[in-house]
Amino acid sequence: MTKTSSKFLKIGLGSAVGLAVSSYLVVAGLLPALIYSRPVEVVLKDPAAYVGRRIKIEGKVVEGSLLEKKTPALEYRFRVRPKDPAGAGEVLVHHVGIVPDTLFIPGAEVVVQGTLASAAGALTFESENVLAKCPSKYEGKKVPEGYKVPGPNVAVR
C-alpha cells in the first residue's frame, strides 16, 4: 500500500465513523420527540397496546367532567370521549399544570400528551401537556338569510 492510498483510507474511515456517530446522535435525539397521536376511540379499542407508552390522544372533553383543584398546584381531572357522537367510551385524564382556557367550554376538542396507565381495569391518562383545538376560528362565516353566495365565476359588486 502506498503512502497516498493509506492517507485516503484513514480519511475515509474517519469520515465514515464521524457520519455514523452524527447519525446516531440525531436519531437518538429525535426519538423521544416522536410521539404517536391517536383518536381516543383507537386507544380504547386496544388499550393494552398503549399502556405505559407516551402518546397523544385526541377527543372531546365530556361535558360536566372537569374537576379543578387549586391547591397546592393546579390539578385537573376530566374525561375525554371520541369526537364522533356515536363513538363509545371515555378516558379519565389527570393533569397538573396550566391548561388552555378553551378547556372549560363544553365539548371542547383537545389533544392530550402523556402516558396511559391501567389500574384495576380502569384507564387513566397521566397528562404532561394539554392542547385545545379551536375549529371555530377556521370555519366559514354564516351567510345571512336572503343573501346569495356567489359562485366561483360570479363577480361580487
Protein backbone atom coordinates (compact mmCIF):
# COMPACT_ATOMS: atom_id res chain seq x y z
CA MET A 1 0.00 0.00 0.00
CA THR A 2 1.34 3.38 -0.92
CA LYS A 3 1.54 6.36 1.38
CA THR A 4 -1.16 8.23 -0.58
CA SER A 5 -3.69 5.38 -0.52
CA SER A 6 -3.07 4.87 3.21
CA LYS A 7 -3.83 8.56 3.77
CA PHE A 8 -7.12 8.32 1.79
CA LEU A 9 -8.07 5.17 3.71
CA LYS A 10 -7.58 6.95 7.07
CA ILE A 11 -9.61 9.98 5.89
CA GLY A 12 -12.37 7.71 4.53
CA LEU A 13 -12.61 5.65 7.72
CA GLY A 14 -12.55 8.78 9.90
CA SER A 15 -15.33 10.35 7.81
CA ALA A 16 -17.44 7.16 7.95
CA VAL A 17 -17.09 6.91 11.74
CA GLY A 18 -17.92 10.61 12.13
CA LEU A 19 -21.01 10.26 9.92
CA ALA A 20 -22.18 7.17 11.82
CA VAL A 21 -21.79 8.88 15.21
CA SER A 22 -23.56 12.04 13.95
CA SER A 23 -26.43 9.99 12.52
CA TYR A 24 -26.83 8.07 15.79
CA LEU A 25 -26.93 11.29 17.82
CA VAL A 26 -29.56 12.83 15.54
CA VAL A 27 -31.79 9.73 15.66
CA ALA A 28 -31.32 9.27 19.42
CA GLY A 29 -32.21 12.93 19.98
CA LEU A 30 -35.36 12.79 17.83
CA LEU A 31 -36.83 9.51 19.11
CA PRO A 32 -38.21 10.96 22.37
CA ALA A 33 -39.93 13.72 20.39
CA LEU A 34 -41.71 11.24 18.12
CA ILE A 35 -45.00 10.54 19.85
CA TYR A 36 -47.95 8.72 18.32
CA SER A 37 -51.14 10.76 18.07
CA ARG A 38 -54.29 8.65 18.14
CA PRO A 39 -58.01 9.35 18.39
CA VAL A 40 -59.38 8.22 21.76
CA GLU A 41 -61.59 5.57 20.12
CA VAL A 42 -58.49 3.86 18.62
CA VAL A 43 -56.81 3.77 22.03
CA LEU A 44 -59.97 2.37 23.62
CA LYS A 45 -60.16 -0.50 21.10
CA ASP A 46 -56.81 -1.91 22.26
CA PRO A 47 -55.67 -0.11 25.43
CA ALA A 48 -53.07 -2.77 26.30
CA ALA A 49 -51.06 -1.72 23.23
CA TYR A 50 -50.75 1.82 24.60
CA VAL A 51 -50.39 1.33 28.37
CA GLY A 52 -47.06 2.68 29.59
CA ARG A 53 -46.26 4.40 26.29
CA ARG A 54 -46.02 8.15 25.70
CA ILE A 55 -48.78 9.05 23.25
CA LYS A 56 -51.14 11.85 22.32
CA ILE A 57 -54.87 11.22 22.37
CA GLU A 58 -57.43 13.34 20.55
CA GLY A 59 -61.05 13.74 21.54
CA LYS A 60 -63.66 15.95 23.17
CA VAL A 61 -63.94 16.86 26.84
CA VAL A 62 -67.03 15.23 28.34
CA GLU A 63 -69.39 18.00 29.44
CA GLY A 64 -69.51 18.38 33.22
CA SER A 65 -66.49 16.14 33.83
CA LEU A 66 -63.90 18.86 34.51
CA LEU A 67 -62.78 18.96 38.14
CA GLU A 68 -60.27 21.57 39.28
CA LYS A 69 -58.20 21.58 42.47
CA LYS A 70 -56.14 24.74 43.00
CA THR A 71 -54.00 23.77 45.98
CA PRO A 72 -51.13 23.00 46.29
CA ALA A 73 -50.85 23.02 42.48
CA LEU A 74 -53.25 23.44 39.60
CA GLU A 75 -54.64 19.94 39.27
CA TYR A 76 -57.33 18.91 36.79
CA ARG A 77 -59.27 15.75 36.12
CA PHE A 78 -61.57 15.40 33.15
CA ARG A 79 -62.83 12.73 30.78
CA VAL A 80 -62.18 12.60 27.04
CA ARG A 81 -64.56 10.89 24.63
CA PRO A 82 -64.46 10.31 20.86
CA LYS A 83 -65.24 13.29 18.61
CA ASP A 84 -67.92 11.28 16.84
CA PRO A 85 -71.11 11.35 18.94
CA ALA A 86 -71.71 7.69 18.04
CA GLY A 87 -68.31 6.72 19.50
CA ALA A 88 -68.37 4.91 22.81
CA GLY A 89 -66.05 5.01 25.79
CA GLU A 90 -64.12 7.59 27.76
CA VAL A 91 -60.65 8.02 29.23
CA LEU A 92 -60.05 9.79 32.55
CA VAL A 93 -57.28 12.40 32.21
CA HIS A 94 -55.22 13.67 35.15
CA HIS A 95 -53.21 16.85 34.53
CA VAL A 96 -51.11 19.01 36.86
CA GLY A 97 -50.27 22.45 35.48
CA ILE A 98 -51.75 25.13 33.32
CA VAL A 99 -54.48 24.27 30.82
CA PRO A 100 -55.93 26.32 27.93
CA ASP A 101 -58.98 28.49 28.70
CA THR A 102 -60.97 26.76 25.97
CA LEU A 103 -60.89 23.53 28.02
CA PHE A 104 -63.74 24.99 30.07
CA ILE A 105 -66.02 25.23 27.01
CA PRO A 106 -68.48 22.30 26.94
CA GLY A 107 -67.44 19.76 24.30
CA ALA A 108 -64.03 21.36 23.69
CA GLU A 109 -61.72 19.40 21.38
CA VAL A 110 -58.36 18.55 22.96
CA VAL A 111 -55.10 16.80 22.25
CA VAL A 112 -53.58 15.42 25.45
CA GLN A 113 -49.96 14.25 25.60
CA GLY A 114 -48.77 11.86 28.29
CA THR A 115 -48.80 8.23 29.39
CA LEU A 116 -51.71 5.81 29.57
CA ALA A 117 -51.93 3.84 32.81
CA SER A 118 -54.20 0.98 33.82
CA ALA A 119 -55.04 0.17 37.43
CA ALA A 120 -57.69 -2.36 38.44
CA GLY A 121 -59.13 -2.31 34.91
CA ALA A 122 -59.63 1.47 34.88
CA LEU A 123 -57.73 3.59 32.35
CA THR A 124 -56.16 6.86 33.47
CA PHE A 125 -54.15 9.13 31.23
CA GLU A 126 -51.38 10.95 33.10
CA SER A 127 -51.07 14.15 31.09
CA GLU A 128 -47.92 16.23 30.56
CA ASN A 129 -49.47 18.69 28.13
CA VAL A 130 -52.99 19.72 27.11
CA LEU A 131 -53.62 21.42 23.77
CA ALA A 132 -57.01 22.80 22.80
CA LYS A 133 -58.28 22.83 19.26
CA CYS A 134 -60.26 25.86 18.16
CA PRO A 135 -62.11 24.96 14.95
CA SER A 136 -64.44 27.98 15.15
CA LYS A 137 -61.55 30.18 14.06
CA TYR A 138 -61.28 28.39 10.76
CA GLU A 139 -64.93 27.81 9.89
CA GLY A 140 -66.54 29.95 7.23
CA LYS A 141 -68.85 32.75 8.27
CA LYS A 142 -72.58 32.11 8.13
CA VAL A 143 -74.37 33.83 5.26
CA PRO A 144 -77.35 35.89 6.45
CA GLU A 145 -80.75 34.69 5.27
CA GLY A 146 -81.81 36.25 1.97
CA TYR A 147 -78.27 36.68 0.65
CA LYS A 148 -76.95 34.57 -2.17
CA VAL A 149 -73.46 33.13 -2.05
CA PRO A 150 -71.69 33.90 -5.35
CA GLY A 151 -70.16 31.04 -7.32
CA PRO A 152 -66.52 30.93 -8.40
CA ASN A 153 -67.18 32.77 -11.71
CA VAL A 154 -69.58 35.42 -10.38
CA ALA A 155 -68.32 38.94 -9.73
CA VAL A 156 -69.42 40.45 -6.43
CA ARG A 157 -70.44 44.14 -6.59
